[in-house]
Amino acid sequence: MPKLPFNYAARRMLFQRRKYQNRLEGYSSCTLGALLQELYGVEEWTSSLQTSRAVDRIYGLLGIAQDTEVLNLVPDYSRDTEWVYTDAAGKMLQRGEFGLLSLAQHATQPSLLPSWVPDWRLPMKAPVAKRSLSPVFRPFGNIEIVCPSPQPNDFRVLEIAGTAVDEIEQVGLPLGYSYQQTTAENLQHVQCYLSQIQAFCRQSASLATGLYGDSDRWMEDAFWRIPIGDLANPTPGQYTMVRATETSFTYHQSLLKVIAVSNEAKDSTVGNEEPTKLAAVRSAEFGKYEQYLFGVVNKAGQAPFITKRGYVGIGPPNMAAEDIICIFYGAHVPYVLRPVEDGRYTLIGETYVYGIMDGEFMIDSPKKDIFLVV
């Protein structure tokens, strides 16, 4: 019997399906949206999973997704890719798959897709809560979930119920971190990233709005939570991310020590004295600073920002002044929208905002809006 050809993409897809089933022990379903996010929601995997036709990135999963009939998705190869992706995304979002919005990352590239539709052909960065089996954040608080819905007369326009938090005032430089650079160069990028966040926090504290209250009570906390998006990996090699704890604060302090000595080594003119000191400090802090650095590196490409009223956070690098931070009723992270013509918006991406991730903003029952996203 002839040996069948090895199909890496197919094996990878089936492996991820089995892996996902194992992770979801005790859960009753494995939806198309969950499969898509598991298979394509990590940049290094996307390039290895190929299909002969772009539409098969969706159609190829219909046989193993448990909600195919409910979604009423039937392969139709007469439709173009944009139609198939938009139709599928709209139907999945109507079923509460808010996480798909975090994978719509093509805002900076020419695309025929609406801004809210993931382009499964492109590499994607893992979303904020990608590695969390259970939702870590709940910015919409106790508000009843309202699933997004495409407009009946134009399925390219998505109606999303939510609340506008504030307009972005200023955006900093994105975190530039590359494994092609030296450790010293990367530490400089990290220092710049941390410094910008600290500057925005101090700027917030100086505003009359006093959003966060007494700066002595929140600022130091914000300094170490914001750079890692308040997420931590409690055990090296563990898949699931959890909410950051005071342990991350300790690791943050460790990283600051390493950065300080790295700067001394860079400025030193005394032979190998400072590089030797840096090696000693890195050795002494081994197992601590790397843990925090790992969390920061996960935010590579993210940019710090401050809003007009003083909210501080991190988000997509293509954010701009006057973009709007929004909470959608059912989404586990806030999102950035950009106003366009006719009262409509484009989706820029997901964000982490210090002080609103647990529903704090919703306590006073702010105005509900319906955002028309194109």
Protein backbone atom coordinates (compact mmCIF):
# COMPACT_ATOMS: atom_id res chain seq x y z
CA MET A 1 0.00 0.00 0.00
CA PRO A 2 1.55 3.34 -0.99
CA LYS A 3 2.42 5.73 1.79
CA LEU A 4 0.11 8.73 1.96
CA PRO A 5 1.80 12.15 1.64
CA PHE A 6 2.47 13.99 4.87
CA ASN A 7 0.19 17.01 5.06
CA TYR A 8 1.61 19.32 7.72
CA ALA A 9 -1.26 21.80 7.62
CA ALA A 10 -3.92 19.11 7.98
CA ARG A 11 -2.02 17.40 10.80
CA ARG A 12 -1.58 20.73 12.55
CA MET A 13 -5.27 21.51 12.22
CA LEU A 14 -6.31 18.12 13.63
CA PHE A 15 -3.73 18.40 16.40
CA GLN A 16 -5.09 21.78 17.44
CA ARG A 17 -8.62 20.41 17.37
CA ARG A 18 -7.62 17.60 19.75
CA LYS A 19 -5.65 20.00 21.91
CA TYR A 20 -8.59 22.36 22.13
CA GLN A 21 -10.93 19.52 23.12
CA ASN A 22 -8.55 18.51 25.88
CA ARG A 23 -8.37 22.08 27.18
CA LEU A 24 -12.15 22.40 27.22
CA GLU A 25 -12.90 19.31 29.31
CA GLY A 26 -16.28 19.81 30.85
CA TYR A 27 -17.43 22.25 28.19
CA SER A 28 -20.16 21.16 25.79
CA SER A 29 -19.21 22.86 22.56
CA CYS A 30 -16.38 23.73 20.24
CA THR A 31 -17.66 26.49 18.03
CA LEU A 32 -16.39 27.63 14.66
CA GLY A 33 -15.35 30.92 16.23
CA ALA A 34 -13.36 29.11 18.92
CA LEU A 35 -11.63 26.92 16.33
CA LEU A 36 -10.73 29.88 14.14
CA GLN A 37 -9.31 31.79 17.10
CA GLU A 38 -7.35 28.74 18.25
CA LEU A 39 -5.91 27.95 14.82
CA TYR A 40 -5.26 31.39 13.38
CA GLY A 41 -5.06 33.65 16.42
CA VAL A 42 -1.30 33.22 16.86
CA GLU A 43 1.03 34.80 14.32
CA GLU A 44 3.57 31.98 14.05
CA TRP A 45 0.88 29.42 13.33
CA THR A 46 -0.94 31.32 10.63
CA SER A 47 1.78 30.96 8.01
CA SER A 48 1.99 27.17 8.50
CA LEU A 49 -1.73 26.55 8.02
CA GLN A 50 -2.39 26.85 4.31
CA THR A 51 -5.41 26.08 2.15
CA SER A 52 -5.75 25.93 -1.63
CA ARG A 53 -8.52 28.52 -1.46
CA ALA A 54 -8.78 31.32 1.07
CA VAL A 55 -12.44 30.51 1.75
CA ASP A 56 -11.42 27.04 2.94
CA ARG A 57 -9.92 28.57 6.05
CA ILE A 58 -13.56 28.71 7.12
CA TYR A 59 -15.17 26.02 5.01
CA GLY A 60 -12.51 23.50 6.03
CA LEU A 61 -13.65 23.69 9.66
CA LEU A 62 -17.39 23.35 9.12
CA GLY A 63 -17.22 19.57 9.42
CA ILE A 64 -15.75 19.66 12.94
CA ALA A 65 -17.36 22.82 14.37
CA GLN A 66 -20.34 22.02 16.53
CA ASP A 67 -22.38 25.10 15.63
CA THR A 68 -22.28 24.82 11.82
CA GLU A 69 -26.01 24.13 11.52
CA VAL A 70 -26.93 26.92 13.94
CA LEU A 71 -24.80 29.38 11.98
CA ASN A 72 -26.39 28.17 8.74
CA LEU A 73 -23.07 28.24 6.93
CA VAL A 74 -22.98 26.25 3.70
CA PRO A 75 -19.93 26.23 1.40
CA ASP A 76 -20.57 28.39 -1.64
CA TYR A 77 -17.56 28.65 -3.94
CA SER A 78 -19.33 31.10 -6.22
CA ARG A 79 -18.86 33.77 -3.54
CA ASP A 80 -15.66 35.77 -3.23
CA THR A 81 -13.45 35.61 -0.15
CA GLU A 82 -14.58 38.95 1.25
CA TRP A 83 -18.24 37.92 1.09
CA VAL A 84 -17.56 34.58 2.81
CA TYR A 85 -15.43 36.10 5.59
CA THR A 86 -17.92 38.91 6.24
CA ASP A 87 -20.96 36.63 6.22
CA ALA A 88 -19.31 34.14 8.59
CA ALA A 89 -18.02 36.82 10.97
CA GLY A 90 -21.43 38.45 11.21
CA LYS A 91 -23.14 35.16 12.01
CA MET A 92 -20.54 34.20 14.61
CA LEU A 93 -20.73 37.61 16.29
CA GLN A 94 -24.50 37.26 16.49
CA ARG A 95 -23.80 34.14 18.56
CA GLY A 96 -21.60 36.09 20.97
CA GLU A 97 -18.11 35.41 19.57
CA PHE A 98 -16.81 38.85 20.63
CA GLY A 99 -13.22 37.60 20.53
CA LEU A 100 -13.32 37.74 16.73
CA LEU A 101 -13.18 41.54 16.96
CA SER A 102 -9.69 41.27 18.45
CA LEU A 103 -8.52 39.40 15.35
CA ALA A 104 -9.69 42.09 12.94
CA GLN A 105 -6.19 43.53 12.67
CA HIS A 106 -6.02 44.79 9.10
CA ALA A 107 -6.85 48.45 9.79
CA THR A 108 -3.41 49.59 8.57
CA GLN A 109 -3.53 47.58 5.34
CA PRO A 110 -5.65 48.04 2.22
CA SER A 111 -8.57 45.65 2.49
CA LEU A 112 -11.94 45.08 0.91
CA LEU A 113 -13.17 43.68 4.21
CA PRO A 114 -15.09 45.75 6.78
CA SER A 115 -12.83 46.78 9.66
CA TRP A 116 -14.61 44.40 12.08
CA VAL A 117 -14.04 41.26 9.99
CA PRO A 118 -10.86 39.20 10.59
CA ASP A 119 -8.82 38.54 7.47
CA TRP A 120 -7.86 34.91 7.98
CA ARG A 121 -5.27 35.16 5.18
CA LEU A 122 -3.04 37.52 7.17
CA PRO A 123 -0.70 36.88 10.12
CA MET A 124 -2.37 37.78 13.41
CA LYS A 125 -1.05 38.72 16.81
CA ALA A 126 -2.50 36.90 19.80
CA PRO A 127 -5.27 38.97 21.43
CA VAL A 128 -5.11 40.24 25.03
CA ALA A 129 -6.91 37.23 26.49
CA LYS A 130 -5.83 34.64 23.91
CA ARG A 131 -4.15 32.43 26.48
CA SER A 132 -6.88 32.69 29.08
CA LEU A 133 -9.35 29.80 29.17
CA SER A 134 -11.75 31.80 31.35
CA PRO A 135 -12.29 35.54 30.76
CA VAL A 136 -9.89 37.57 32.89
CA PHE A 137 -11.58 40.95 32.43
CA ARG A 138 -15.19 42.13 32.37
CA PRO A 139 -15.27 45.85 31.51
CA PHE A 140 -19.03 45.77 30.83
CA GLY A 141 -19.64 44.82 34.48
CA ASN A 142 -23.13 43.53 35.22
CA ILE A 143 -24.68 44.95 32.07
CA GLU A 144 -26.73 42.42 30.11
CA ILE A 145 -24.84 41.02 27.12
CA VAL A 146 -26.03 42.28 23.75
CA CYS A 147 -24.62 40.37 20.79
CA PRO A 148 -23.55 42.42 17.75
CA SER A 149 -25.64 42.10 14.62
CA PRO A 150 -25.10 42.98 10.94
CA GLN A 151 -27.66 45.42 9.58
CA PRO A 152 -30.46 43.63 7.71
CA ASN A 153 -30.10 45.87 4.66
CA ASP A 154 -26.28 45.84 4.60
CA PHE A 155 -24.43 42.91 6.15
CA ARG A 156 -21.15 44.83 5.93
CA VAL A 157 -22.32 47.23 8.67
CA LEU A 158 -22.18 45.84 12.21
CA GLU A 159 -24.36 47.21 15.00
CA ILE A 160 -22.65 46.96 18.40
CA ALA A 161 -24.25 48.02 21.68
CA GLY A 162 -21.88 49.70 24.09
CA THR A 163 -20.69 52.81 25.87
CA ALA A 164 -18.13 55.42 24.86
CA VAL A 165 -15.56 55.87 27.62
CA ASP A 166 -13.40 58.75 26.39
CA GLU A 167 -11.45 60.19 23.46
CA ILE A 168 -7.76 59.51 23.08
CA GLU A 169 -5.66 62.60 23.72
CA GLN A 170 -2.13 61.39 22.99
CA VAL A 171 -0.46 58.20 21.76
CA GLY A 172 3.13 57.27 22.55
CA LEU A 173 5.66 55.25 20.61
CA PRO A 174 4.92 51.54 20.20
CA LEU A 175 7.11 49.03 21.97
CA GLY A 176 9.83 47.99 19.55
CA TYR A 177 11.21 44.62 20.59
CA SER A 178 12.95 42.24 18.23
CA TYR A 179 14.84 39.00 18.73
CA GLN A 180 17.16 40.23 15.97
CA GLN A 181 18.47 42.94 18.31
CA THR A 182 20.90 42.67 21.21
CA THR A 183 19.70 42.39 24.79
CA ALA A 184 20.96 45.90 25.51
CA GLU A 185 19.05 47.34 22.55
CA ASN A 186 15.86 45.58 23.55
CA LEU A 187 16.20 46.75 27.14
CA GLN A 188 16.42 50.31 25.83
CA HIS A 189 13.14 49.82 23.95
CA VAL A 190 11.54 48.39 27.08
CA GLN A 191 12.80 51.30 29.17
CA CYS A 192 11.30 53.77 26.69
CA TYR A 193 7.98 51.90 26.84
CA LEU A 194 7.94 51.89 30.65
CA SER A 195 8.96 55.55 30.82
CA GLN A 196 6.15 56.64 28.52
CA ILE A 197 3.59 54.82 30.64
CA GLN A 198 4.95 56.43 33.79
CA ALA A 199 4.83 59.86 32.13
CA PHE A 200 1.20 59.37 31.09
CA CYS A 201 0.31 58.26 34.63
CA ARG A 202 1.88 61.40 36.07
CA GLN A 203 0.08 63.49 33.46
CA SER A 204 -3.20 61.85 34.49
CA ALA A 205 -2.53 62.58 38.15
CA SER A 206 -2.05 66.27 37.32
CA LEU A 207 -5.46 66.62 35.65
CA ALA A 208 -8.38 68.20 37.46
CA THR A 209 -10.58 65.19 36.66
CA GLY A 210 -8.81 63.11 39.31
CA LEU A 211 -10.08 59.93 37.67
CA TYR A 212 -8.00 57.56 39.72
CA GLY A 213 -8.10 59.44 43.01
CA ASP A 214 -5.08 59.98 45.25
CA SER A 215 -1.96 59.29 43.18
CA ASP A 216 -0.24 57.76 46.21
CA ARG A 217 -2.82 54.97 46.12
CA TRP A 218 -2.80 54.05 42.43
CA MET A 219 0.25 55.30 40.56
CA GLU A 220 2.79 52.72 41.65
CA ASP A 221 0.23 49.99 40.97
CA ALA A 222 -0.39 51.36 37.47
CA PHE A 223 3.35 51.55 36.76
CA TRP A 224 3.70 47.75 36.80
CA ARG A 225 0.21 46.60 35.74
CA ILE A 226 -0.19 48.65 32.54
CA PRO A 227 3.00 47.51 30.72
CA ILE A 228 1.91 43.86 30.89
CA GLY A 229 -1.80 44.55 30.43
CA ASP A 230 -2.35 43.23 33.98
CA LEU A 231 -1.69 39.64 32.85
CA ALA A 232 0.91 37.16 34.04
CA ASN A 233 2.04 33.62 33.36
CA PRO A 234 2.26 32.09 36.86
CA THR A 235 4.24 29.03 35.74
CA PRO A 236 6.82 29.08 32.93
CA GLY A 237 5.55 26.97 30.07
CA GLN A 238 1.98 27.10 31.32
CA TYR A 239 -0.55 27.93 28.61
CA THR A 240 -3.11 29.93 30.56
CA MET A 241 -2.51 33.56 31.49
CA VAL A 242 -4.00 34.88 34.72
CA ARG A 243 -4.52 38.25 36.34
CA ALA A 244 -1.26 39.78 37.52
CA THR A 245 -0.48 39.69 41.25
CA GLU A 246 2.01 41.35 43.58
CA THR A 247 4.53 38.81 42.35
CA SER A 248 4.57 40.70 39.06
CA PHE A 249 5.39 43.85 41.02
CA THR A 250 8.46 42.10 42.44
CA TYR A 251 9.49 40.97 38.95
CA HIS A 252 8.95 44.52 37.67
CA GLN A 253 11.38 45.84 40.28
CA SER A 254 13.85 43.17 39.23
CA LEU A 255 13.63 44.26 35.60
CA LEU A 256 14.21 47.89 36.60
CA LYS A 257 17.44 46.84 38.34
CA VAL A 258 18.65 45.05 35.22
CA ILE A 259 17.79 48.04 33.01
CA ALA A 260 19.61 50.43 35.35
CA VAL A 261 22.80 48.36 35.30
CA SER A 262 22.51 47.90 31.53
CA ASN A 263 22.44 51.68 31.16
CA GLU A 264 25.51 51.99 33.37
CA ALA A 265 27.31 49.42 31.24
CA LYS A 266 26.40 51.30 28.06
CA ASP A 267 27.73 54.58 29.44
CA SER A 268 30.80 53.11 31.10
CA THR A 269 34.29 53.75 29.76
CA VAL A 270 36.01 51.44 32.27
CA GLY A 271 36.88 48.32 30.30
CA ASN A 272 34.76 45.29 31.18
CA GLU A 273 33.83 46.41 34.70
CA GLU A 274 30.22 47.38 33.96
CA PRO A 275 29.44 44.50 31.55
CA THR A 276 30.67 42.16 34.30
CA LYS A 277 28.41 43.90 36.80
CA LEU A 278 25.47 43.56 34.40
CA ALA A 279 26.11 39.84 34.06
CA ALA A 280 26.23 39.53 37.85
CA VAL A 281 22.95 41.41 38.31
CA ARG A 282 21.23 39.41 35.58
CA SER A 283 22.43 36.24 37.26
CA ALA A 284 21.20 37.44 40.67
CA GLU A 285 17.81 38.42 39.25
CA PHE A 286 17.52 35.30 37.10
CA GLY A 287 14.03 33.82 37.16
CA LYS A 288 12.44 37.12 38.14
CA TYR A 289 13.12 39.88 35.64
CA GLU A 290 12.64 37.48 32.69
CA GLN A 291 9.13 36.68 33.88
CA TYR A 292 8.12 40.32 33.77
CA LEU A 293 10.04 40.89 30.55
CA PHE A 294 8.10 38.02 28.98
CA GLY A 295 4.85 39.83 29.78
CA VAL A 296 6.19 43.04 28.28
CA VAL A 297 7.46 41.31 25.14
CA ASN A 298 3.94 39.98 24.59
CA LYS A 299 2.94 43.62 24.11
CA ALA A 300 5.50 44.29 21.36
CA GLY A 301 3.95 46.67 18.86
CA GLN A 302 1.50 48.08 21.42
CA ALA A 303 1.57 51.79 22.17
CA PRO A 304 0.85 53.63 25.44
CA PHE A 305 -1.86 56.31 25.41
CA ILE A 306 -3.74 58.77 27.58
CA THR A 307 -7.31 59.94 27.08
CA LYS A 308 -8.66 63.46 27.49
CA ARG A 309 -10.02 62.73 30.96
CA GLY A 310 -6.86 60.90 32.00
CA TYR A 311 -7.35 57.19 31.42
CA VAL A 312 -4.03 55.46 30.69
CA GLY A 313 -3.54 52.22 28.81
CA ILE A 314 -1.97 50.42 25.87
CA GLY A 315 -3.43 49.63 22.48
CA PRO A 316 -2.80 49.24 18.75
CA PRO A 317 0.00 51.40 17.30
CA ASN A 318 -2.30 52.98 14.70
CA MET A 319 -4.45 54.68 17.34
CA ALA A 320 -4.70 58.44 16.99
CA ALA A 321 -5.99 61.47 18.87
CA GLU A 322 -9.80 61.69 18.86
CA ASP A 323 -10.24 57.94 18.47
CA ILE A 324 -12.76 56.66 21.00
CA ILE A 325 -12.33 54.04 23.71
CA CYS A 326 -15.51 51.95 23.90
CA ILE A 327 -16.90 49.17 26.06
CA PHE A 328 -19.08 46.70 24.18
CA TYR A 329 -21.77 44.84 26.13
CA GLY A 330 -20.30 41.36 26.18
CA ALA A 331 -16.70 41.97 25.09
CA HIS A 332 -14.02 41.14 27.64
CA VAL A 333 -11.70 43.96 26.54
CA PRO A 334 -12.39 47.56 25.50
CA TYR A 335 -11.96 48.55 21.86
CA VAL A 336 -10.82 51.61 19.93
CA LEU A 337 -13.19 53.06 17.32
CA ARG A 338 -12.45 55.83 14.82
CA PRO A 339 -15.30 58.12 13.72
CA VAL A 340 -15.82 58.29 9.97
CA GLU A 341 -18.59 59.79 7.85
CA ASP A 342 -22.35 59.53 8.50
CA GLY A 343 -22.03 58.71 12.19
CA ARG A 344 -20.20 55.47 11.52
CA TYR A 345 -16.94 54.08 12.85
CA THR A 346 -14.06 51.84 11.89
CA LEU A 347 -12.63 49.34 14.35
CA ILE A 348 -8.98 50.05 15.19
CA GLY A 349 -8.38 47.27 17.70
CA GLU A 350 -8.52 46.03 21.26
CA THR A 351 -7.00 47.84 24.21
CA TYR A 352 -6.17 47.59 27.88
CA VAL A 353 -7.27 50.58 29.98
CA TYR A 354 -6.22 50.85 33.60
CA GLY A 355 -9.17 51.34 35.92
CA ILE A 356 -12.05 50.13 33.73
CA MET A 357 -11.32 46.43 33.17
CA ASP A 358 -13.56 45.19 35.99
CA GLY A 359 -16.66 47.20 35.19
CA GLU A 360 -15.76 50.30 37.20
CA PHE A 361 -16.88 52.65 34.42
CA MET A 362 -20.31 50.99 34.24
CA ILE A 363 -21.19 51.51 37.92
CA ASP A 364 -22.88 54.86 37.26
CA SER A 365 -24.92 53.47 34.33
CA PRO A 366 -23.45 55.58 31.52
CA LYS A 367 -25.34 56.23 28.31
CA LYS A 368 -25.88 53.26 26.01
CA ASP A 369 -25.00 53.74 22.34
CA ILE A 370 -25.37 51.67 19.20
CA PHE A 371 -22.17 51.93 17.18
CA LEU A 372 -22.38 51.35 13.44
CA VAL A 373 -19.02 49.83 12.50
CA VAL A 374 -17.98 49.55 8.85
